Amino acid sequence: MSKVTKIIIGSVLFLIFALYFYFKGRRSKTDQPLSNDNEVSEAISFLDSRFDRWGTFNSDHVGIFPLLQKLSKTQIIKLHNDFGFRFYNSVFGKYKLVDTWGWRGFTTKVNLTSLFDKEFGDSQILKLKEIYRSKGLSFPLVS
């Protein structure tokens, strides 16, 4: 392999990693609230931190159920509305707020309900249904 080829390959790899970390950092630096309700905004941040990991496991989901239990019926509805959409990139195994690369073949648009369906197992979905039922709602929530 020639020296020029190695420089080109190295430059391309550097550019890919630089763009990846640039977009990753931009999302975490936003100081604006995600909702006008502080509890809902904190819940959205918590959910993002639980789901935005390499290899999310059931142990990462444990704190979600007490969080949802303490929210009121109107706050859960607001949570679903204010959560919006995330883009799941199956190549990197990460959730993003924006579809940074535009690779539709590798990116799936998900809302909170479909995120729960994608990440949770049957027993966890039953826990969600119980929490929603105790609030007078049904899961999946259609708003």
C-alpha atoms as a PDB file:
ATOM      1  CA  MET A   1       0.000   0.000   0.000  1.00  0.00           C
ATOM      2  CA  SER A   2       1.454   3.341  -0.968  1.00  0.00           C
ATOM      3  CA  LYS A   3       2.007   6.221   1.427  1.00  0.00           C
ATOM      4  CA  VAL A   4      -0.676   8.350  -0.287  1.00  0.00           C
ATOM      5  CA  THR A   5      -3.272   5.588   0.088  1.00  0.00           C
ATOM      6  CA  LYS A   6      -2.485   5.264   3.798  1.00  0.00           C
ATOM      7  CA  ILE A   7      -2.857   9.025   4.273  1.00  0.00           C
ATOM      8  CA  ILE A   8      -6.213   9.044   2.454  1.00  0.00           C
ATOM      9  CA  ILE A   9      -7.564   6.095   4.471  1.00  0.00           C
ATOM     10  CA  GLY A  10      -6.342   7.649   7.724  1.00  0.00           C
ATOM     11  CA  SER A  11      -7.913  10.995   6.861  1.00  0.00           C
ATOM     12  CA  VAL A  12     -11.257   9.407   6.024  1.00  0.00           C
ATOM     13  CA  LEU A  13     -11.281   7.408   9.281  1.00  0.00           C
ATOM     14  CA  PHE A  14     -10.358  10.516  11.260  1.00  0.00           C
ATOM     15  CA  LEU A  15     -13.169  12.480   9.585  1.00  0.00           C
ATOM     16  CA  ILE A  16     -15.724   9.747  10.357  1.00  0.00           C
ATOM     17  CA  PHE A  17     -14.778   9.616  14.043  1.00  0.00           C
ATOM     18  CA  ALA A  18     -14.617  13.409  14.313  1.00  0.00           C
ATOM     19  CA  LEU A  19     -18.135  13.765  12.878  1.00  0.00           C
ATOM     20  CA  TYR A  20     -19.473  11.000  15.112  1.00  0.00           C
ATOM     21  CA  PHE A  21     -18.143  12.607  18.303  1.00  0.00           C
ATOM     22  CA  TYR A  22     -19.169  16.084  17.130  1.00  0.00           C
ATOM     23  CA  PHE A  23     -22.820  15.073  16.727  1.00  0.00           C
ATOM     24  CA  LYS A  24     -22.752  13.012  19.920  1.00  0.00           C
ATOM     25  CA  GLY A  25     -21.451  16.009  21.867  1.00  0.00           C
ATOM     26  CA  ARG A  26     -23.918  18.477  20.386  1.00  0.00           C
ATOM     27  CA  ARG A  27     -26.886  16.624  21.799  1.00  0.00           C
ATOM     28  CA  SER A  28     -25.537  16.404  25.331  1.00  0.00           C
ATOM     29  CA  LYS A  29     -24.660  20.120  25.493  1.00  0.00           C
ATOM     30  CA  THR A  30     -28.192  21.424  25.035  1.00  0.00           C
ATOM     31  CA  ASP A  31     -29.306  23.244  28.166  1.00  0.00           C
ATOM     32  CA  GLN A  32     -32.828  23.968  27.005  1.00  0.00           C
ATOM     33  CA  PRO A  33     -35.561  22.040  28.802  1.00  0.00           C
ATOM     34  CA  LEU A  34     -37.127  19.165  26.913  1.00  0.00           C
ATOM     35  CA  SER A  35     -40.586  19.998  28.295  1.00  0.00           C
ATOM     36  CA  ASN A  36     -42.218  22.907  30.096  1.00  0.00           C
ATOM     37  CA  ASP A  37     -42.917  20.534  33.024  1.00  0.00           C
ATOM     38  CA  ASN A  38     -39.697  20.005  35.007  1.00  0.00           C
ATOM     39  CA  GLU A  39     -40.567  16.449  36.081  1.00  0.00           C
ATOM     40  CA  VAL A  40     -41.369  15.445  32.504  1.00  0.00           C
ATOM     41  CA  SER A  41     -38.159  17.085  31.284  1.00  0.00           C
ATOM     42  CA  GLU A  42     -36.149  15.135  33.877  1.00  0.00           C
ATOM     43  CA  ALA A  43     -37.975  11.941  32.878  1.00  0.00           C
ATOM     44  CA  ILE A  44     -37.093  12.480  29.199  1.00  0.00           C
ATOM     45  CA  SER A  45     -33.433  13.036  30.108  1.00  0.00           C
ATOM     46  CA  PHE A  46     -33.450   9.917  32.272  1.00  0.00           C
ATOM     47  CA  LEU A  47     -35.052   7.805  29.528  1.00  0.00           C
ATOM     48  CA  ASP A  48     -32.505   9.074  27.008  1.00  0.00           C
ATOM     49  CA  SER A  49     -29.672   8.111  29.342  1.00  0.00           C
ATOM     50  CA  ARG A  50     -31.133   4.631  29.884  1.00  0.00           C
ATOM     51  CA  PHE A  51     -31.707   3.855  26.212  1.00  0.00           C
ATOM     52  CA  ASP A  52     -28.729   5.628  24.637  1.00  0.00           C
ATOM     53  CA  ARG A  53     -26.103   2.994  25.395  1.00  0.00           C
ATOM     54  CA  TRP A  54     -24.130   0.354  23.584  1.00  0.00           C
ATOM     55  CA  GLY A  55     -25.911  -2.906  24.353  1.00  0.00           C
ATOM     56  CA  THR A  56     -28.853  -1.882  26.524  1.00  0.00           C
ATOM     57  CA  PHE A  57     -29.712  -4.617  29.020  1.00  0.00           C
ATOM     58  CA  ASN A  58     -32.736  -5.221  31.267  1.00  0.00           C
ATOM     59  CA  SER A  59     -30.719  -3.949  34.246  1.00  0.00           C
ATOM     60  CA  ASP A  60     -30.557  -0.554  32.499  1.00  0.00           C
ATOM     61  CA  HIS A  61     -34.369  -0.386  32.527  1.00  0.00           C
ATOM     62  CA  VAL A  62     -34.903  -0.928  36.263  1.00  0.00           C
ATOM     63  CA  GLY A  63     -35.134   2.773  37.179  1.00  0.00           C
ATOM     64  CA  ILE A  64     -37.713   3.505  34.500  1.00  0.00           C
ATOM     65  CA  PHE A  65     -40.630   1.861  36.312  1.00  0.00           C
ATOM     66  CA  PRO A  66     -40.406   3.889  39.571  1.00  0.00           C
ATOM     67  CA  LEU A  67     -39.973   7.014  37.456  1.00  0.00           C
ATOM     68  CA  LEU A  68     -43.194   6.331  35.536  1.00  0.00           C
ATOM     69  CA  GLN A  69     -44.996   5.348  38.744  1.00  0.00           C
ATOM     70  CA  LYS A  70     -44.390   8.768  40.319  1.00  0.00           C
ATOM     71  CA  LEU A  71     -45.687  10.683  37.269  1.00  0.00           C
ATOM     72  CA  SER A  72     -49.358  11.643  37.098  1.00  0.00           C
ATOM     73  CA  LYS A  73     -51.709  10.712  34.278  1.00  0.00           C
ATOM     74  CA  THR A  74     -51.325  14.096  32.574  1.00  0.00           C
ATOM     75  CA  GLN A  75     -47.546  13.960  32.984  1.00  0.00           C
ATOM     76  CA  ILE A  76     -47.367  10.546  31.284  1.00  0.00           C
ATOM     77  CA  ILE A  77     -49.421  11.878  28.372  1.00  0.00           C
ATOM     78  CA  LYS A  78     -47.136  14.936  28.240  1.00  0.00           C
ATOM     79  CA  LEU A  79     -44.103  12.631  28.397  1.00  0.00           C
ATOM     80  CA  HIS A  80     -45.263  10.773  25.283  1.00  0.00           C
ATOM     81  CA  ASN A  81     -46.015  14.019  23.437  1.00  0.00           C
ATOM     82  CA  ASP A  82     -42.848  15.875  24.441  1.00  0.00           C
ATOM     83  CA  PHE A  83     -40.534  12.879  23.966  1.00  0.00           C
ATOM     84  CA  GLY A  84     -40.991  13.201  20.214  1.00  0.00           C
ATOM     85  CA  PHE A  85     -38.974  10.913  17.988  1.00  0.00           C
ATOM     86  CA  ARG A  86     -35.545   9.355  18.193  1.00  0.00           C
ATOM     87  CA  PHE A  87     -33.604   7.749  15.395  1.00  0.00           C
ATOM     88  CA  TYR A  88     -32.137   4.329  16.101  1.00  0.00           C
ATOM     89  CA  ASN A  89     -29.016   3.609  14.084  1.00  0.00           C
ATOM     90  CA  SER A  90     -28.532  -0.162  13.924  1.00  0.00           C
ATOM     91  CA  VAL A  91     -24.933   0.204  12.696  1.00  0.00           C
ATOM     92  CA  PHE A  92     -23.769   2.069  15.827  1.00  0.00           C
ATOM     93  CA  GLY A  93     -26.506   0.665  18.114  1.00  0.00           C
ATOM     94  CA  LYS A  94     -27.346   4.173  19.355  1.00  0.00           C
ATOM     95  CA  TYR A  95     -30.381   6.445  19.598  1.00  0.00           C
ATOM     96  CA  LYS A  96     -30.090  10.007  18.329  1.00  0.00           C
ATOM     97  CA  LEU A  97     -32.367  13.041  18.403  1.00  0.00           C
ATOM     98  CA  VAL A  98     -31.681  13.797  14.735  1.00  0.00           C
ATOM     99  CA  ASP A  99     -30.991  11.548  11.799  1.00  0.00           C
ATOM    100  CA  THR A 100     -27.423  12.770  11.341  1.00  0.00           C
ATOM    101  CA  TRP A 101     -26.338  10.545   8.496  1.00  0.00           C
ATOM    102  CA  GLY A 102     -29.539  10.138   6.503  1.00  0.00           C
ATOM    103  CA  TRP A 103     -28.908   6.438   5.918  1.00  0.00           C
ATOM    104  CA  ARG A 104     -32.510   5.298   5.829  1.00  0.00           C
ATOM    105  CA  GLY A 105     -31.456   1.687   5.434  1.00  0.00           C
ATOM    106  CA  PHE A 106     -29.679   1.809   8.794  1.00  0.00           C
ATOM    107  CA  THR A 107     -31.862   4.247  10.745  1.00  0.00           C
ATOM    108  CA  THR A 108     -35.324   3.670  12.190  1.00  0.00           C
ATOM    109  CA  LYS A 109     -37.559   6.485  13.487  1.00  0.00           C
ATOM    110  CA  VAL A 110     -39.126   5.596  16.864  1.00  0.00           C
ATOM    111  CA  ASN A 111     -41.382   7.351  19.373  1.00  0.00           C
ATOM    112  CA  LEU A 112     -41.588   6.487  23.091  1.00  0.00           C
ATOM    113  CA  THR A 113     -44.148   3.704  22.628  1.00  0.00           C
ATOM    114  CA  SER A 114     -42.187   1.989  19.870  1.00  0.00           C
ATOM    115  CA  LEU A 115     -38.998   2.492  21.879  1.00  0.00           C
ATOM    116  CA  PHE A 116     -40.565   0.651  24.810  1.00  0.00           C
ATOM    117  CA  ASP A 117     -41.725  -2.107  22.455  1.00  0.00           C
ATOM    118  CA  LYS A 118     -38.254  -2.377  20.906  1.00  0.00           C
ATOM    119  CA  GLU A 119     -36.285  -2.394  24.174  1.00  0.00           C
ATOM    120  CA  PHE A 120     -38.547  -4.144  26.685  1.00  0.00           C
ATOM    121  CA  GLY A 121     -39.291  -7.825  27.045  1.00  0.00           C
ATOM    122  CA  ASP A 122     -42.737  -9.297  27.717  1.00  0.00           C
ATOM    123  CA  SER A 123     -42.485  -9.077  31.516  1.00  0.00           C
ATOM    124  CA  GLN A 124     -41.412  -5.441  31.338  1.00  0.00           C
ATOM    125  CA  ILE A 125     -44.272  -4.604  28.966  1.00  0.00           C
ATOM    126  CA  LEU A 126     -46.640  -6.152  31.542  1.00  0.00           C
ATOM    127  CA  LYS A 127     -45.159  -3.859  34.224  1.00  0.00           C
ATOM    128  CA  LEU A 128     -45.717  -0.887  31.920  1.00  0.00           C
ATOM    129  CA  LYS A 129     -49.321  -1.928  31.309  1.00  0.00           C
ATOM    130  CA  GLU A 130     -49.915  -2.190  35.078  1.00  0.00           C
ATOM    131  CA  ILE A 131     -48.458   1.273  35.708  1.00  0.00           C
ATOM    132  CA  TYR A 132     -50.480   2.813  32.884  1.00  0.00           C
ATOM    133  CA  ARG A 133     -53.652   1.028  34.035  1.00  0.00           C
ATOM    134  CA  SER A 134     -53.145   2.364  37.588  1.00  0.00           C
ATOM    135  CA  LYS A 135     -53.084   5.881  36.093  1.00  0.00           C
ATOM    136  CA  GLY A 136     -56.252   5.306  34.069  1.00  0.00           C
ATOM    137  CA  LEU A 137     -54.367   4.930  30.789  1.00  0.00           C
ATOM    138  CA  SER A 138     -53.773   2.028  28.462  1.00  0.00           C
ATOM    139  CA  PHE A 139     -50.492   0.942  26.937  1.00  0.00           C
ATOM    140  CA  PRO A 140     -49.738   1.547  24.145  1.00  0.00           C
ATOM    141  CA  LEU A 141     -50.781   5.131  24.666  1.00  0.00           C
ATOM    142  CA  VAL A 142     -52.410   6.661  21.616  1.00  0.00           C
ATOM    143  CA  SER A 143     -52.538  10.442  21.856  1.00  0.00           C
END
